[in-house]
Amino acid sequence: MSDAVSALEGARFEGLATVEDIGLQGMITLRGDLALAAVKKAASAAAGAPLPARLEAVMSDTGGLCWMSPDELLVLCPYDEVQARLAKLTTALAKTHALAVDMSDARASFRLSGPGAREAMAKLCPVDLSPDAFRPGMFRRTRMGQIPAAFWLEDEDSFRIICFRSVAQYAYDLLKTAAARDAAVGYF
């Protein structure tokens, strides 16, 4: 069996903001009725985090949950724990109409951090990223340039970004261009 590697194997760029491939990230897509107690309990147990509100991401020391849509959550966990957590999730939801799938190798993850992070993301996404409108823990699925992406604000100056692995190089190049030192707009 081959060794797992991240999409861009730790690529990093320094500019107005730092763009970095964060490496392998365990990701499980969970589809189901998020109002059901069984789904809430199973998702929280799998992620080690409470259920997020609509358009939010909630992280813990052992994982996290991202609200993807009214019937979908993204469960985050260490990459090497995906299969065990997926098995527990599947067992817990065996009598519930739900679907849990390992998506870890289908996606790439980036961090965009530093004082220019908001400005760089604002250039790429049709989302109001002003500090009053977009606060830590808020989550969006949208377009980033020409690709679908999801992101949340980890803290005031740090975004986590997820996209399909097949467009990881494009996403990285897009983020580098937006975060280049000579590309400052100075809005935020």
N, C-alpha and C. Protein backbone atom coordinates (compact mmCIF):
# COMPACT_ATOMS: atom_id res chain seq x y z
N MET A 1 0.84 -1.17 0.00
CA MET A 1 0.00 0.00 0.00
C MET A 1 0.89 1.24 0.00
N SER A 2 0.51 2.25 -0.74
CA SER A 2 1.32 3.46 -0.81
C SER A 2 1.09 4.35 0.41
N ASP A 3 2.03 5.23 0.67
CA ASP A 3 1.92 6.16 1.78
C ASP A 3 1.03 7.33 1.37
N ALA A 4 0.20 7.77 2.29
CA ALA A 4 -0.67 8.91 2.04
C ALA A 4 0.16 10.20 2.10
N VAL A 5 -0.11 11.10 1.19
CA VAL A 5 0.54 12.42 1.17
C VAL A 5 -0.52 13.48 0.93
N SER A 6 -0.28 14.66 1.44
CA SER A 6 -1.22 15.75 1.20
C SER A 6 -1.09 16.22 -0.24
N ALA A 7 -2.04 16.99 -0.67
CA ALA A 7 -2.10 17.42 -2.07
C ALA A 7 -0.84 18.16 -2.52
N LEU A 8 -0.32 19.03 -1.68
CA LEU A 8 0.84 19.83 -2.08
C LEU A 8 2.03 19.61 -1.16
N GLU A 9 1.99 18.55 -0.39
CA GLU A 9 3.11 18.11 0.44
C GLU A 9 3.79 19.23 1.23
N GLY A 10 2.97 20.02 1.93
CA GLY A 10 3.49 21.04 2.83
C GLY A 10 3.91 22.34 2.18
N ALA A 11 3.42 22.64 0.99
CA ALA A 11 3.77 23.90 0.32
C ALA A 11 3.44 25.09 1.23
N ARG A 12 4.28 26.13 1.14
CA ARG A 12 4.10 27.31 2.00
C ARG A 12 4.53 28.56 1.24
N PHE A 13 3.78 29.64 1.44
CA PHE A 13 4.08 30.93 0.80
C PHE A 13 3.93 32.03 1.84
N GLU A 14 4.88 32.97 1.85
CA GLU A 14 4.82 34.12 2.76
C GLU A 14 4.61 35.39 1.95
N GLY A 15 3.61 36.16 2.32
CA GLY A 15 3.32 37.43 1.68
C GLY A 15 2.59 38.32 2.67
N LEU A 16 1.54 39.01 2.22
CA LEU A 16 0.68 39.76 3.14
C LEU A 16 0.09 38.82 4.17
N ALA A 17 -0.07 37.59 3.75
CA ALA A 17 -0.55 36.51 4.62
C ALA A 17 0.25 35.26 4.27
N THR A 18 0.23 34.30 5.16
CA THR A 18 0.92 33.03 4.92
C THR A 18 -0.09 32.01 4.39
N VAL A 19 0.26 31.35 3.31
CA VAL A 19 -0.57 30.30 2.72
C VAL A 19 0.18 29.00 2.93
N GLU A 20 -0.49 28.01 3.52
CA GLU A 20 0.19 26.74 3.73
C GLU A 20 -0.76 25.56 3.57
N ASP A 21 -0.22 24.52 2.94
CA ASP A 21 -0.89 23.22 2.87
C ASP A 21 -0.77 22.64 4.26
N ILE A 22 -1.88 22.33 4.93
CA ILE A 22 -1.79 21.90 6.32
C ILE A 22 -1.58 20.40 6.47
N GLY A 23 -1.45 19.71 5.38
CA GLY A 23 -1.18 18.28 5.46
C GLY A 23 -2.44 17.45 5.47
N LEU A 24 -2.28 16.20 5.83
CA LEU A 24 -3.40 15.26 5.82
C LEU A 24 -4.41 15.62 6.90
N GLN A 25 -5.67 15.63 6.53
CA GLN A 25 -6.76 15.95 7.45
C GLN A 25 -7.85 14.92 7.28
N GLY A 26 -8.24 14.29 8.37
CA GLY A 26 -9.36 13.36 8.33
C GLY A 26 -10.67 14.11 8.14
N MET A 27 -11.47 13.68 7.17
CA MET A 27 -12.75 14.33 6.88
C MET A 27 -13.80 13.26 6.58
N ILE A 28 -14.90 13.32 7.31
CA ILE A 28 -16.02 12.40 7.09
C ILE A 28 -17.25 13.24 6.80
N THR A 29 -17.87 13.01 5.66
CA THR A 29 -19.13 13.67 5.34
C THR A 29 -20.25 12.86 5.98
N LEU A 30 -21.10 13.54 6.74
CA LEU A 30 -22.25 12.91 7.38
C LEU A 30 -23.51 13.57 6.86
N ARG A 31 -24.36 12.79 6.21
CA ARG A 31 -25.65 13.27 5.71
C ARG A 31 -26.75 12.62 6.52
N GLY A 32 -27.74 13.40 6.91
CA GLY A 32 -28.87 12.88 7.68
C GLY A 32 -29.70 14.01 8.24
N ASP A 33 -30.72 13.67 8.99
CA ASP A 33 -31.59 14.65 9.63
C ASP A 33 -30.88 15.17 10.87
N LEU A 34 -30.37 16.38 10.80
CA LEU A 34 -29.58 16.94 11.90
C LEU A 34 -30.41 17.29 13.12
N ALA A 35 -31.73 17.18 13.02
CA ALA A 35 -32.60 17.41 14.17
C ALA A 35 -32.75 16.15 15.03
N LEU A 36 -32.38 14.99 14.48
CA LEU A 36 -32.52 13.74 15.23
C LEU A 36 -31.46 13.63 16.32
N ALA A 37 -31.89 13.23 17.50
CA ALA A 37 -30.98 13.07 18.64
C ALA A 37 -29.86 12.08 18.33
N ALA A 38 -30.18 10.98 17.63
CA ALA A 38 -29.17 9.97 17.30
C ALA A 38 -28.07 10.55 16.41
N VAL A 39 -28.45 11.38 15.44
CA VAL A 39 -27.48 11.99 14.53
C VAL A 39 -26.61 13.00 15.29
N LYS A 40 -27.25 13.82 16.11
CA LYS A 40 -26.50 14.80 16.90
C LYS A 40 -25.48 14.12 17.81
N LYS A 41 -25.93 13.10 18.51
CA LYS A 41 -25.08 12.38 19.45
C LYS A 41 -23.91 11.69 18.73
N ALA A 42 -24.20 11.02 17.63
CA ALA A 42 -23.17 10.31 16.88
C ALA A 42 -22.14 11.28 16.29
N ALA A 43 -22.62 12.39 15.74
CA ALA A 43 -21.72 13.38 15.14
C ALA A 43 -20.81 13.99 16.20
N SER A 44 -21.38 14.38 17.33
CA SER A 44 -20.59 14.96 18.41
C SER A 44 -19.56 13.98 18.95
N ALA A 45 -19.95 12.73 19.09
CA ALA A 45 -19.02 11.71 19.58
C ALA A 45 -17.89 11.47 18.58
N ALA A 46 -18.21 11.45 17.30
CA ALA A 46 -17.20 11.20 16.26
C ALA A 46 -16.19 12.35 16.17
N ALA A 47 -16.67 13.57 16.39
CA ALA A 47 -15.80 14.74 16.25
C ALA A 47 -15.17 15.18 17.56
N GLY A 48 -15.78 14.79 18.67
CA GLY A 48 -15.30 15.29 19.95
C GLY A 48 -15.63 16.75 20.13
N ALA A 49 -16.69 17.20 19.47
CA ALA A 49 -17.09 18.62 19.51
C ALA A 49 -18.61 18.69 19.48
N PRO A 50 -19.18 19.75 20.05
CA PRO A 50 -20.63 19.91 19.99
C PRO A 50 -21.10 20.23 18.57
N LEU A 51 -22.38 20.00 18.32
CA LEU A 51 -22.97 20.29 17.02
C LEU A 51 -22.89 21.79 16.73
N PRO A 52 -22.45 22.19 15.55
CA PRO A 52 -22.40 23.61 15.22
C PRO A 52 -23.78 24.14 14.86
N ALA A 53 -23.95 25.42 15.03
CA ALA A 53 -25.16 26.09 14.55
C ALA A 53 -25.03 26.25 13.03
N ARG A 54 -26.09 26.67 12.40
CA ARG A 54 -26.09 26.93 10.96
C ARG A 54 -24.96 27.91 10.62
N LEU A 55 -24.20 27.61 9.57
CA LEU A 55 -23.10 28.45 9.08
C LEU A 55 -21.98 28.63 10.10
N GLU A 56 -21.72 27.57 10.89
CA GLU A 56 -20.64 27.63 11.86
C GLU A 56 -19.76 26.39 11.80
N ALA A 57 -18.57 26.52 12.37
CA ALA A 57 -17.65 25.41 12.57
C ALA A 57 -17.26 25.42 14.03
N VAL A 58 -17.25 24.23 14.64
CA VAL A 58 -16.88 24.10 16.05
C VAL A 58 -15.72 23.12 16.14
N MET A 59 -14.62 23.56 16.75
CA MET A 59 -13.43 22.72 16.86
C MET A 59 -13.16 22.36 18.31
N SER A 60 -12.46 21.24 18.48
CA SER A 60 -12.00 20.80 19.80
C SER A 60 -10.57 20.31 19.65
N ASP A 61 -10.00 19.81 20.72
CA ASP A 61 -8.64 19.28 20.65
C ASP A 61 -8.54 18.00 19.82
N THR A 62 -9.68 17.30 19.67
CA THR A 62 -9.65 16.00 18.98
C THR A 62 -10.33 16.00 17.62
N GLY A 63 -10.90 17.12 17.21
CA GLY A 63 -11.58 17.17 15.91
C GLY A 63 -12.46 18.38 15.79
N GLY A 64 -13.48 18.26 14.98
CA GLY A 64 -14.39 19.37 14.79
C GLY A 64 -15.57 18.99 13.92
N LEU A 65 -16.56 19.88 13.91
CA LEU A 65 -17.75 19.72 13.07
C LEU A 65 -18.00 21.01 12.32
N CYS A 66 -18.27 20.89 11.04
CA CYS A 66 -18.60 22.04 10.20
C CYS A 66 -19.99 21.85 9.63
N TRP A 67 -20.81 22.88 9.69
CA TRP A 67 -22.15 22.85 9.11
C TRP A 67 -21.99 23.05 7.61
N MET A 68 -22.36 22.04 6.83
CA MET A 68 -22.22 22.12 5.37
C MET A 68 -23.52 22.50 4.68
N SER A 69 -24.65 22.01 5.20
CA SER A 69 -25.96 22.29 4.64
C SER A 69 -27.00 21.82 5.66
N PRO A 70 -28.28 22.06 5.43
CA PRO A 70 -29.29 21.66 6.42
C PRO A 70 -29.30 20.17 6.76
N ASP A 71 -28.72 19.33 5.90
CA ASP A 71 -28.68 17.89 6.21
C ASP A 71 -27.27 17.31 6.10
N GLU A 72 -26.26 18.14 6.26
CA GLU A 72 -24.89 17.66 6.09
C GLU A 72 -23.92 18.32 7.06
N LEU A 73 -23.07 17.50 7.65
CA LEU A 73 -21.98 17.96 8.51
C LEU A 73 -20.67 17.42 7.97
N LEU A 74 -19.60 18.13 8.22
CA LEU A 74 -18.26 17.63 7.92
C LEU A 74 -17.60 17.36 9.26
N VAL A 75 -17.25 16.10 9.48
CA VAL A 75 -16.58 15.68 10.72
C VAL A 75 -15.08 15.72 10.45
N LEU A 76 -14.35 16.47 11.26
CA LEU A 76 -12.90 16.57 11.14
C LEU A 76 -12.25 15.78 12.27
N CYS A 77 -11.18 15.09 11.96
CA CYS A 77 -10.46 14.32 12.96
C CYS A 77 -9.04 14.08 12.43
N PRO A 78 -8.14 13.58 13.28
CA PRO A 78 -6.82 13.23 12.76
C PRO A 78 -6.94 12.19 11.63
N TYR A 79 -6.11 12.32 10.63
CA TYR A 79 -6.17 11.47 9.45
C TYR A 79 -6.09 9.98 9.80
N ASP A 80 -5.23 9.65 10.72
CA ASP A 80 -5.05 8.23 11.06
C ASP A 80 -6.17 7.66 11.93
N GLU A 81 -7.13 8.48 12.32
CA GLU A 81 -8.26 8.01 13.12
C GLU A 81 -9.58 7.92 12.33
N VAL A 82 -9.54 8.24 11.05
CA VAL A 82 -10.76 8.28 10.24
C VAL A 82 -11.50 6.95 10.24
N GLN A 83 -10.81 5.86 9.96
CA GLN A 83 -11.49 4.57 9.84
C GLN A 83 -12.16 4.15 11.14
N ALA A 84 -11.49 4.36 12.26
CA ALA A 84 -12.07 4.00 13.56
C ALA A 84 -13.29 4.87 13.87
N ARG A 85 -13.17 6.16 13.61
CA ARG A 85 -14.30 7.07 13.89
C ARG A 85 -15.46 6.81 12.94
N LEU A 86 -15.15 6.49 11.69
CA LEU A 86 -16.19 6.17 10.72
C LEU A 86 -16.93 4.90 11.13
N ALA A 87 -16.21 3.90 11.61
CA ALA A 87 -16.85 2.66 12.06
C ALA A 87 -17.79 2.92 13.24
N LYS A 88 -17.35 3.73 14.19
CA LYS A 88 -18.20 4.06 15.34
C LYS A 88 -19.43 4.85 14.90
N LEU A 89 -19.23 5.77 13.98
CA LEU A 89 -20.33 6.58 13.45
C LEU A 89 -21.34 5.69 12.73
N THR A 90 -20.86 4.80 11.91
CA THR A 90 -21.73 3.89 11.16
C THR A 90 -22.52 2.98 12.11
N THR A 91 -21.86 2.47 13.13
CA THR A 91 -22.52 1.63 14.12
C THR A 91 -23.59 2.41 14.88
N ALA A 92 -23.25 3.62 15.30
CA ALA A 92 -24.19 4.45 16.06
C ALA A 92 -25.42 4.83 15.24
N LEU A 93 -25.26 4.92 13.93
CA LEU A 93 -26.36 5.34 13.06
C LEU A 93 -26.99 4.19 12.28
N ALA A 94 -26.71 2.96 12.68
CA ALA A 94 -27.19 1.79 11.94
C ALA A 94 -28.71 1.75 11.78
N LYS A 95 -29.45 2.28 12.73
CA LYS A 95 -30.91 2.25 12.66
C LYS A 95 -31.49 3.61 12.26
N THR A 96 -30.66 4.46 11.74
CA THR A 96 -31.07 5.80 11.33
C THR A 96 -30.80 5.98 9.84
N HIS A 97 -31.68 6.71 9.17
CA HIS A 97 -31.46 7.00 7.75
C HIS A 97 -30.36 8.07 7.67
N ALA A 98 -29.13 7.62 7.44
CA ALA A 98 -27.98 8.53 7.39
C ALA A 98 -26.89 7.90 6.54
N LEU A 99 -25.94 8.73 6.13
CA LEU A 99 -24.81 8.28 5.32
C LEU A 99 -23.54 8.92 5.86
N ALA A 100 -22.52 8.14 6.06
CA ALA A 100 -21.21 8.65 6.49
C ALA A 100 -20.15 8.09 5.55
N VAL A 101 -19.33 8.98 4.99
CA VAL A 101 -18.35 8.60 3.98
C VAL A 101 -17.01 9.29 4.26
N ASP A 102 -15.92 8.54 4.14
CA ASP A 102 -14.57 9.09 4.28
C ASP A 102 -14.25 9.91 3.04
N MET A 103 -14.02 11.21 3.23
CA MET A 103 -13.69 12.11 2.12
C MET A 103 -12.28 12.67 2.24
N SER A 104 -11.51 12.13 3.16
CA SER A 104 -10.18 12.67 3.47
C SER A 104 -9.28 12.82 2.25
N ASP A 105 -9.21 11.80 1.42
CA ASP A 105 -8.30 11.84 0.28
C ASP A 105 -8.88 12.55 -0.94
N ALA A 106 -10.11 12.99 -0.84
CA ALA A 106 -10.74 13.69 -1.96
C ALA A 106 -10.60 15.21 -1.84
N ARG A 107 -10.08 15.66 -0.70
CA ARG A 107 -10.02 17.10 -0.45
C ARG A 107 -8.63 17.52 -0.03
N ALA A 108 -8.38 18.82 -0.18
CA ALA A 108 -7.13 19.43 0.27
C ALA A 108 -7.47 20.50 1.30
N SER A 109 -6.55 20.74 2.21
CA SER A 109 -6.76 21.72 3.28
C SER A 109 -5.62 22.74 3.31
N PHE A 110 -6.00 23.98 3.48
CA PHE A 110 -5.02 25.07 3.56
C PHE A 110 -5.31 25.94 4.77
N ARG A 111 -4.28 26.65 5.22
CA ARG A 111 -4.45 27.70 6.22
C ARG A 111 -3.96 28.98 5.57
N LEU A 112 -4.72 30.03 5.75
CA LEU A 112 -4.35 31.37 5.31
C LEU A 112 -4.32 32.19 6.58
N SER A 113 -3.14 32.70 6.96
CA SER A 113 -3.04 33.38 8.25
C SER A 113 -2.18 34.63 8.16
N GLY A 114 -2.36 35.48 9.15
CA GLY A 114 -1.60 36.72 9.23
C GLY A 114 -2.48 37.93 9.07
N PRO A 115 -1.90 39.11 9.24
CA PRO A 115 -2.70 40.34 9.20
C PRO A 115 -3.39 40.61 7.86
N GLY A 116 -2.90 40.04 6.77
CA GLY A 116 -3.52 40.25 5.47
C GLY A 116 -4.47 39.15 5.04
N ALA A 117 -4.79 38.22 5.94
CA ALA A 117 -5.62 37.07 5.58
C ALA A 117 -7.02 37.48 5.13
N ARG A 118 -7.67 38.37 5.87
CA ARG A 118 -9.03 38.79 5.48
C ARG A 118 -9.02 39.45 4.11
N GLU A 119 -8.06 40.30 3.88
CA GLU A 119 -7.97 40.99 2.60
C GLU A 119 -7.77 40.00 1.46
N ALA A 120 -6.89 39.04 1.65
CA ALA A 120 -6.64 38.04 0.60
C ALA A 120 -7.90 37.24 0.30
N MET A 121 -8.61 36.77 1.33
CA MET A 121 -9.84 36.00 1.10
C MET A 121 -10.92 36.86 0.46
N ALA A 122 -11.01 38.11 0.87
CA ALA A 122 -12.04 39.00 0.33
C ALA A 122 -11.86 39.23 -1.17
N LYS A 123 -10.64 39.13 -1.65
CA LYS A 123 -10.39 39.27 -3.09
C LYS A 123 -10.94 38.09 -3.88
N LEU A 124 -11.11 36.95 -3.22
CA LEU A 124 -11.42 35.72 -3.91
C LEU A 124 -12.85 35.23 -3.76
N CYS A 125 -13.53 35.64 -2.71
CA CYS A 125 -14.85 35.06 -2.39
C CYS A 125 -15.93 36.13 -2.28
N PRO A 126 -17.13 35.84 -2.78
CA PRO A 126 -18.24 36.79 -2.68
C PRO A 126 -18.92 36.72 -1.30
N VAL A 127 -18.13 37.03 -0.26
CA VAL A 127 -18.60 36.96 1.13
C VAL A 127 -18.12 38.23 1.83
N ASP A 128 -18.98 38.83 2.66
CA ASP A 128 -18.57 39.97 3.45
C ASP A 128 -17.66 39.47 4.56
N LEU A 129 -16.38 39.75 4.46
CA LEU A 129 -15.40 39.26 5.42
C LEU A 129 -14.93 40.34 6.39
N SER A 130 -15.67 41.43 6.47
CA SER A 130 -15.32 42.46 7.44
C SER A 130 -15.41 41.89 8.85
N PRO A 131 -14.59 42.38 9.78
CA PRO A 131 -14.60 41.85 11.15
C PRO A 131 -15.98 41.88 11.82
N ASP A 132 -16.81 42.84 11.49
CA ASP A 132 -18.16 42.89 12.08
C ASP A 132 -19.10 41.84 11.50
N ALA A 133 -18.86 41.45 10.25
CA ALA A 133 -19.77 40.52 9.58
C ALA A 133 -19.30 39.06 9.63
N PHE A 134 -18.01 38.83 9.74
CA PHE A 134 -17.48 37.46 9.71
C PHE A 134 -16.52 37.29 10.88
N ARG A 135 -16.99 36.56 11.88
CA ARG A 135 -16.26 36.38 13.13
C ARG A 135 -15.71 34.95 13.26
N PRO A 136 -14.74 34.74 14.16
CA PRO A 136 -14.21 33.39 14.36
C PRO A 136 -15.32 32.38 14.62
N GLY A 137 -15.18 31.23 13.97
CA GLY A 137 -16.18 30.16 14.08
C GLY A 137 -17.21 30.19 12.96
N MET A 138 -17.28 31.29 12.22
CA MET A 138 -18.25 31.35 11.12
C MET A 138 -17.71 30.54 9.94
N PHE A 139 -18.63 29.93 9.19
CA PHE A 139 -18.30 28.97 8.14
C PHE A 139 -19.06 29.32 6.86
N ARG A 140 -18.42 29.17 5.72
CA ARG A 140 -19.09 29.39 4.44
C ARG A 140 -18.65 28.34 3.42
N ARG A 141 -19.61 27.98 2.57
CA ARG A 141 -19.34 27.22 1.34
C ARG A 141 -19.67 28.18 0.22
N THR A 142 -18.72 28.39 -0.68
CA THR A 142 -18.91 29.38 -1.73
C THR A 142 -17.93 29.11 -2.87
N ARG A 143 -17.74 30.08 -3.70
CA ARG A 143 -16.75 30.00 -4.77
C ARG A 143 -15.52 30.76 -4.31
N MET A 144 -14.37 30.21 -4.65
CA MET A 144 -13.11 30.90 -4.43
C MET A 144 -12.48 30.96 -5.81
N GLY A 145 -12.55 32.12 -6.42
CA GLY A 145 -12.16 32.20 -7.82
C GLY A 145 -13.14 31.37 -8.63
N GLN A 146 -12.65 30.39 -9.34
CA GLN A 146 -13.50 29.56 -10.19
C GLN A 146 -13.82 28.18 -9.61
N ILE A 147 -13.52 27.98 -8.33
CA ILE A 147 -13.73 26.64 -7.75
C ILE A 147 -14.61 26.70 -6.50
N PRO A 148 -15.30 25.60 -6.22
CA PRO A 148 -16.04 25.54 -4.95
C PRO A 148 -15.06 25.34 -3.81
N ALA A 149 -15.34 25.99 -2.69
CA ALA A 149 -14.49 25.87 -1.51
C ALA A 149 -15.34 26.09 -0.27
N ALA A 150 -14.83 25.64 0.84
CA ALA A 150 -15.43 25.90 2.15
C ALA A 150 -14.35 26.48 3.03
N PHE A 151 -14.72 27.40 3.91
CA PHE A 151 -13.73 27.97 4.82
C PHE A 151 -14.39 28.46 6.09
N TRP A 152 -13.56 28.58 7.12
CA TRP A 152 -14.02 29.17 8.37
C TRP A 152 -12.87 29.96 8.97
N LEU A 153 -13.22 30.86 9.85
CA LEU A 153 -12.25 31.71 10.52
C LEU A 153 -11.90 31.04 11.85
N GLU A 154 -10.64 30.61 11.99
CA GLU A 154 -10.20 29.96 13.22
C GLU A 154 -10.02 30.99 14.34
N ASP A 155 -9.44 32.13 13.99
CA ASP A 155 -9.29 33.26 14.90
C ASP A 155 -9.31 34.51 14.04
N GLU A 156 -9.08 35.66 14.60
CA GLU A 156 -9.22 36.91 13.84
C GLU A 156 -8.37 36.98 12.57
N ASP A 157 -7.25 36.28 12.55
CA ASP A 157 -6.32 36.38 11.42
C ASP A 157 -5.99 35.04 10.77
N SER A 158 -6.86 34.04 10.90
CA SER A 158 -6.51 32.72 10.37
C SER A 158 -7.73 31.99 9.82
N PHE A 159 -7.68 31.67 8.54
CA PHE A 159 -8.73 30.90 7.87
C PHE A 159 -8.26 29.48 7.63
N ARG A 160 -9.19 28.53 7.73
CA ARG A 160 -8.97 27.17 7.24
C ARG A 160 -9.81 27.05 5.98
N ILE A 161 -9.24 26.48 4.94
CA ILE A 161 -9.89 26.38 3.64
C ILE A 161 -9.84 24.93 3.18
N ILE A 162 -10.97 24.46 2.65
CA ILE A 162 -11.05 23.10 2.11
C ILE A 162 -11.55 23.20 0.68
N CYS A 163 -10.90 22.44 -0.22
CA CYS A 163 -11.36 22.37 -1.61
C CYS A 163 -11.13 20.94 -2.09
N PHE A 164 -11.59 20.66 -3.28
CA PHE A 164 -11.34 19.34 -3.85
C PHE A 164 -9.84 19.20 -4.15
N ARG A 165 -9.33 18.03 -3.90
CA ARG A 165 -7.90 17.76 -4.12
C ARG A 165 -7.51 18.00 -5.58
N SER A 166 -8.43 17.73 -6.49
CA SER A 166 -8.13 17.87 -7.92
C SER A 166 -7.84 19.32 -8.32
N VAL A 167 -8.24 20.29 -7.51
CA VAL A 167 -7.98 21.70 -7.82
C VAL A 167 -7.06 22.34 -6.78
N ALA A 168 -6.34 21.52 -6.02
CA ALA A 168 -5.49 22.04 -4.94
C ALA A 168 -4.41 23.00 -5.46
N GLN A 169 -3.76 22.66 -6.55
CA GLN A 169 -2.72 23.54 -7.06
C GLN A 169 -3.32 24.88 -7.48
N TYR A 170 -4.46 24.85 -8.16
CA TYR A 170 -5.14 26.10 -8.55
C TYR A 170 -5.49 26.92 -7.31
N ALA A 171 -6.04 26.28 -6.28
CA ALA A 171 -6.42 26.99 -5.06
C ALA A 171 -5.20 27.62 -4.40
N TYR A 172 -4.12 26.87 -4.32
CA TYR A 172 -2.88 27.37 -3.73
C TYR A 172 -2.35 28.57 -4.51
N ASP A 173 -2.31 28.46 -5.82
CA ASP A 173 -1.83 29.56 -6.65
C ASP A 173 -2.73 30.79 -6.52
N LEU A 174 -4.03 30.57 -6.45
CA LEU A 174 -4.99 31.66 -6.27
C LEU A 174 -4.74 32.37 -4.94
N LEU A 175 -4.57 31.58 -3.88
CA LEU A 175 -4.31 32.15 -2.55
C LEU A 175 -2.97 32.90 -2.53
N LYS A 176 -1.95 32.35 -3.18
CA LYS A 176 -0.64 33.03 -3.24
C LYS A 176 -0.76 34.37 -3.95
N THR A 177 -1.49 34.40 -5.07
CA THR A 177 -1.65 35.65 -5.82
C THR A 177 -2.38 36.69 -4.97
N ALA A 178 -3.43 36.28 -4.28
CA ALA A 178 -4.20 37.21 -3.44
C ALA A 178 -3.40 37.67 -2.23
N ALA A 179 -2.45 36.85 -1.77
CA ALA A 179 -1.68 37.17 -0.57
C ALA A 179 -0.31 37.78 -0.88
N ALA A 180 -0.02 38.03 -2.14
CA ALA A 180 1.28 38.58 -2.51
C ALA A 180 1.47 39.97 -1.90
N ARG A 181 2.69 40.27 -1.50
CA ARG A 181 2.98 41.57 -0.86
C ARG A 181 2.62 42.75 -1.75
N ASP A 182 2.82 42.63 -3.04
CA ASP A 182 2.53 43.75 -3.95
C ASP A 182 1.06 43.82 -4.35
N ALA A 183 0.21 42.95 -3.74
CA ALA A 183 -1.21 42.94 -4.08
C ALA A 183 -2.08 43.57 -3.00
N ALA A 184 -1.47 44.34 -2.09
CA ALA A 184 -2.22 44.93 -0.99
C ALA A 184 -3.24 45.96 -1.50
N VAL A 185 -4.43 45.88 -0.97
CA VAL A 185 -5.47 46.86 -1.26
C VAL A 185 -5.63 47.79 -0.06
N GLY A 186 -5.49 47.23 1.14
CA GLY A 186 -5.55 48.02 2.35
C GLY A 186 -6.95 48.30 2.86
N TYR A 187 -7.92 47.49 2.46
CA TYR A 187 -9.30 47.72 2.87
C TYR A 187 -9.53 47.36 4.34
N PHE A 188 -8.97 46.23 4.78
CA PHE A 188 -9.17 45.82 6.17
C PHE A 188 -8.01 46.29 7.03
